Amino acid sequence: IPFDLTPGSSTKANKINCFEFEYSHGLATQYIGTENGLYIIRPEDSYWRIKLEGLNVVSIIIPEGYRNTTIYAATRGESYCDGIYASKDRGSTWEKIYSAKNIVSLAPAVPYAEIMTVVPQFYMAIYNKGVYESRNGGYSWRDITDNLSEKKMTCLTVDRIDPEIAYLGTENGIYYYQNTDYSEYDLWRTAIGLKIFF
């Protein structure tokens, strides 16, 4: 079923922020984050279902390699409703697990690429505030802004080759962060001359 962005259509959305696919037995469930909620369609559906209606969904995470079935979504706005949501039933119901305003992006963090963990770990960028890391599925966060002076953030992702490295897009350039066991090395640096794999 096509996702219709035409004004007045049943989706009630005119901007797509993000999308994810979840495959099972060769069939895909699609998740589309918009400025008016999260739209979901499963292989057996004949129409798009809307969840988190009215919220600006900027990130969707379906953890890969983790032994859990929780899906995560982050919303960006100024209301008390905004923050990070989790669904343990593949998007049917959602629970807010963390309140935050102006989240730019939520990205999976893997401190040690060779270790699989049962608890998802994340990076979160908040516009004009900072970057944070969670090692307990988004329930609590550690400020890793450190020496980063540029706070006008536009996007956040991790390196697909080395997931211990996070990249941050800002209005004035790209920065990267090396996640290590040694806090003196956890510093943001300008990403000049790097080969970046998003």
Protein backbone atom coordinates (compact mmCIF):
# COMPACT_ATOMS: atom_id res chain seq x y z
CA ILE A 1 0.00 0.00 0.00
CA PRO A 2 1.64 3.32 -1.04
CA PHE A 3 2.17 5.95 1.66
CA ASP A 4 0.20 8.97 0.42
CA LEU A 5 1.56 12.44 1.25
CA THR A 6 -1.11 14.24 -0.75
CA PRO A 7 -2.85 16.97 1.31
CA GLY A 8 -6.18 15.66 2.56
CA SER A 9 -5.15 11.99 2.26
CA SER A 10 -5.93 9.44 4.96
CA THR A 11 -2.35 9.52 6.27
CA LYS A 12 -2.67 13.16 7.40
CA ALA A 13 1.09 13.59 6.91
CA ASN A 14 3.09 15.71 4.49
CA LYS A 15 6.66 15.11 5.66
CA ILE A 16 8.58 11.87 6.27
CA ASN A 17 11.36 12.11 8.87
CA CYS A 18 12.54 8.50 9.01
CA PHE A 19 11.59 4.92 8.15
CA GLU A 20 12.51 1.38 9.13
CA PHE A 21 11.68 -2.12 7.93
CA GLU A 22 11.32 -5.27 10.01
CA TYR A 23 11.56 -8.53 8.08
CA SER A 24 10.03 -11.84 9.09
CA HIS A 25 9.87 -14.87 6.77
CA GLY A 26 10.67 -12.64 3.80
CA LEU A 27 7.84 -10.17 4.51
CA ALA A 28 8.34 -6.62 5.77
CA THR A 29 6.53 -4.54 8.36
CA GLN A 30 7.08 -0.88 7.52
CA TYR A 31 7.43 1.96 10.02
CA ILE A 32 7.36 5.59 8.85
CA GLY A 33 8.02 8.49 11.22
CA THR A 34 6.32 11.75 10.24
CA GLU A 35 5.66 15.15 11.77
CA ASN A 36 2.18 13.85 12.65
CA GLY A 37 2.94 10.47 14.20
CA LEU A 38 4.26 7.00 13.44
CA TYR A 39 2.62 5.03 10.62
CA ILE A 40 2.82 1.24 10.56
CA ILE A 41 1.72 -1.30 7.98
CA ARG A 42 2.15 -5.06 8.33
CA PRO A 43 2.08 -7.55 5.45
CA GLU A 44 -1.50 -8.56 6.27
CA ASP A 45 -2.80 -4.97 6.58
CA SER A 46 -4.82 -3.13 3.95
CA TYR A 47 -4.23 0.34 5.42
CA TRP A 48 -1.65 2.33 7.42
CA ARG A 49 -2.15 2.39 11.19
CA ILE A 50 -1.13 5.54 13.06
CA LYS A 51 0.50 5.56 16.49
CA LEU A 52 1.89 8.45 18.55
CA GLU A 53 -0.52 10.66 16.62
CA GLY A 54 0.28 14.35 16.68
CA LEU A 55 3.91 13.83 17.68
CA ASN A 56 6.89 14.64 15.45
CA VAL A 57 8.63 11.24 15.16
CA VAL A 58 12.28 11.79 14.20
CA SER A 59 13.86 8.38 14.91
CA ILE A 60 12.80 4.73 14.83
CA ILE A 61 15.06 1.97 16.09
CA ILE A 62 14.53 -1.75 15.63
CA PRO A 63 17.57 -3.24 17.43
CA GLU A 64 19.55 -5.75 15.41
CA GLY A 65 21.48 -8.46 17.18
CA TYR A 66 19.78 -7.86 20.49
CA ARG A 67 17.72 -10.59 22.08
CA ASN A 68 14.67 -8.47 22.72
CA THR A 69 11.63 -7.46 20.70
CA THR A 70 11.33 -3.83 21.80
CA ILE A 71 11.04 -1.08 19.19
CA TYR A 72 12.01 2.50 20.03
CA ALA A 73 10.88 5.88 18.69
CA ALA A 74 12.00 9.42 19.52
CA THR A 75 9.90 12.56 19.08
CA ARG A 76 10.97 16.17 18.69
CA GLY A 77 8.93 19.02 20.10
CA GLU A 78 8.38 21.34 23.04
CA SER A 79 5.55 19.52 24.84
CA TYR A 80 5.55 17.28 27.90
CA CYS A 81 4.54 14.43 25.57
CA ASP A 82 7.87 14.49 23.73
CA GLY A 83 10.68 12.07 24.45
CA ILE A 84 11.54 8.41 23.84
CA TYR A 85 8.86 5.76 23.48
CA ALA A 86 9.13 1.97 23.56
CA SER A 87 6.83 -0.73 22.21
CA LYS A 88 7.09 -4.35 23.31
CA ASP A 89 4.35 -5.59 20.99
CA ARG A 90 5.71 -4.55 17.60
CA GLY A 91 4.14 -1.12 17.57
CA SER A 92 0.62 -1.87 18.78
CA THR A 93 1.03 0.01 22.07
CA TRP A 94 3.67 2.51 23.20
CA GLU A 95 5.02 3.64 26.57
CA LYS A 96 7.07 6.78 27.13
CA ILE A 97 10.28 5.74 28.89
CA TYR A 98 12.08 9.08 28.91
CA SER A 99 10.89 12.69 28.71
CA ALA A 100 12.96 15.15 26.67
CA LYS A 101 12.28 18.14 24.44
CA ASN A 102 13.87 18.86 21.07
CA ILE A 103 15.46 15.46 20.42
CA VAL A 104 17.24 15.71 17.07
CA SER A 105 18.07 12.03 16.73
CA LEU A 106 18.30 8.71 18.54
CA ALA A 107 20.92 6.20 17.37
CA PRO A 108 21.97 2.73 18.56
CA ALA A 109 25.30 2.63 20.39
CA VAL A 110 27.51 -0.44 20.67
CA PRO A 111 30.50 0.27 22.92
CA TYR A 112 32.19 -3.02 22.03
CA ALA A 113 31.54 -4.23 18.50
CA GLU A 114 32.47 -7.81 19.34
CA ILE A 115 30.01 -8.14 22.24
CA MET A 116 26.27 -8.67 21.82
CA THR A 117 24.20 -7.38 24.71
CA VAL A 118 20.63 -8.03 25.76
CA VAL A 119 20.20 -4.36 26.75
CA PRO A 120 20.05 -1.88 23.86
CA GLN A 121 22.36 1.12 24.16
CA PHE A 122 21.78 4.51 22.55
CA TYR A 123 23.15 7.92 21.71
CA MET A 124 20.73 10.87 21.82
CA ALA A 125 21.28 14.40 20.48
CA ILE A 126 19.18 17.26 21.85
CA TYR A 127 19.18 20.51 19.92
CA ASN A 128 21.04 23.36 21.60
CA LYS A 129 21.77 21.20 24.64
CA GLY A 130 24.08 18.21 24.15
CA VAL A 131 24.70 14.55 23.34
CA TYR A 132 23.89 11.73 25.75
CA GLU A 133 24.52 8.00 26.05
CA SER A 134 22.32 5.32 27.61
CA ARG A 135 23.44 1.81 28.48
CA ASN A 136 20.15 0.61 29.95
CA GLY A 137 17.68 0.82 27.09
CA GLY A 138 17.00 4.55 27.32
CA TYR A 139 15.86 4.77 30.94
CA SER A 140 18.79 6.90 32.13
CA TRP A 141 21.40 8.95 30.31
CA ARG A 142 25.01 10.12 30.72
CA ASP A 143 26.07 13.48 29.28
CA ILE A 144 28.89 12.93 26.77
CA THR A 145 28.89 16.45 25.33
CA ASP A 146 32.37 16.93 26.86
CA ASN A 147 34.35 19.48 24.83
CA LEU A 148 31.73 19.90 22.08
CA SER A 149 31.02 23.62 21.75
CA GLU A 150 28.67 23.37 18.76
CA LYS A 151 25.16 22.66 20.08
CA LYS A 152 23.02 23.40 17.01
CA MET A 153 22.71 19.76 15.99
CA THR A 154 20.99 18.44 12.89
CA CYS A 155 21.61 14.65 12.89
CA LEU A 156 23.37 11.82 14.71
CA THR A 157 24.49 8.37 13.55
CA VAL A 158 27.08 5.68 14.21
CA ASP A 159 29.76 4.33 11.90
CA ARG A 160 28.61 1.08 10.29
CA ILE A 161 32.16 -0.23 10.10
CA ASP A 162 33.13 0.72 13.66
CA PRO A 163 30.00 1.25 15.81
CA GLU A 164 32.14 2.57 18.66
CA ILE A 165 32.32 5.85 16.71
CA ALA A 166 29.42 8.31 16.65
CA TYR A 167 29.06 11.12 14.11
CA LEU A 168 27.20 14.34 14.81
CA GLY A 169 26.00 16.74 12.14
CA THR A 170 25.66 20.39 13.17
CA GLU A 171 24.90 23.65 11.44
CA ASN A 172 28.64 24.34 11.38
CA GLY A 173 30.21 20.99 10.53
CA ILE A 174 30.54 17.30 11.35
CA TYR A 175 32.08 15.96 14.56
CA TYR A 176 32.94 12.44 15.69
CA TYR A 177 33.16 10.78 19.09
CA GLN A 178 35.21 7.69 20.00
CA ASN A 179 33.54 5.63 22.72
CA THR A 180 36.22 4.02 24.88
CA ASP A 181 36.75 2.74 28.41
CA TYR A 182 39.00 5.71 29.11
CA SER A 183 37.14 8.97 29.71
CA GLU A 184 40.13 11.14 28.74
CA TYR A 185 39.72 9.90 25.15
CA ASP A 186 35.96 10.46 25.00
CA LEU A 187 36.28 13.77 23.18
CA TRP A 188 34.53 15.23 20.16
CA ARG A 189 36.76 16.01 17.20
CA THR A 190 36.12 17.70 13.87
CA ALA A 191 35.58 15.09 11.15
CA ILE A 192 37.97 16.47 8.55
CA GLY A 193 39.46 14.05 6.04
CA LEU A 194 37.69 11.02 7.51
CA LYS A 195 36.02 8.29 5.51
CA ILE A 196 32.56 8.21 7.03
CA PHE A 197 30.22 5.22 6.59
CA PHE A 198 26.60 6.06 7.48
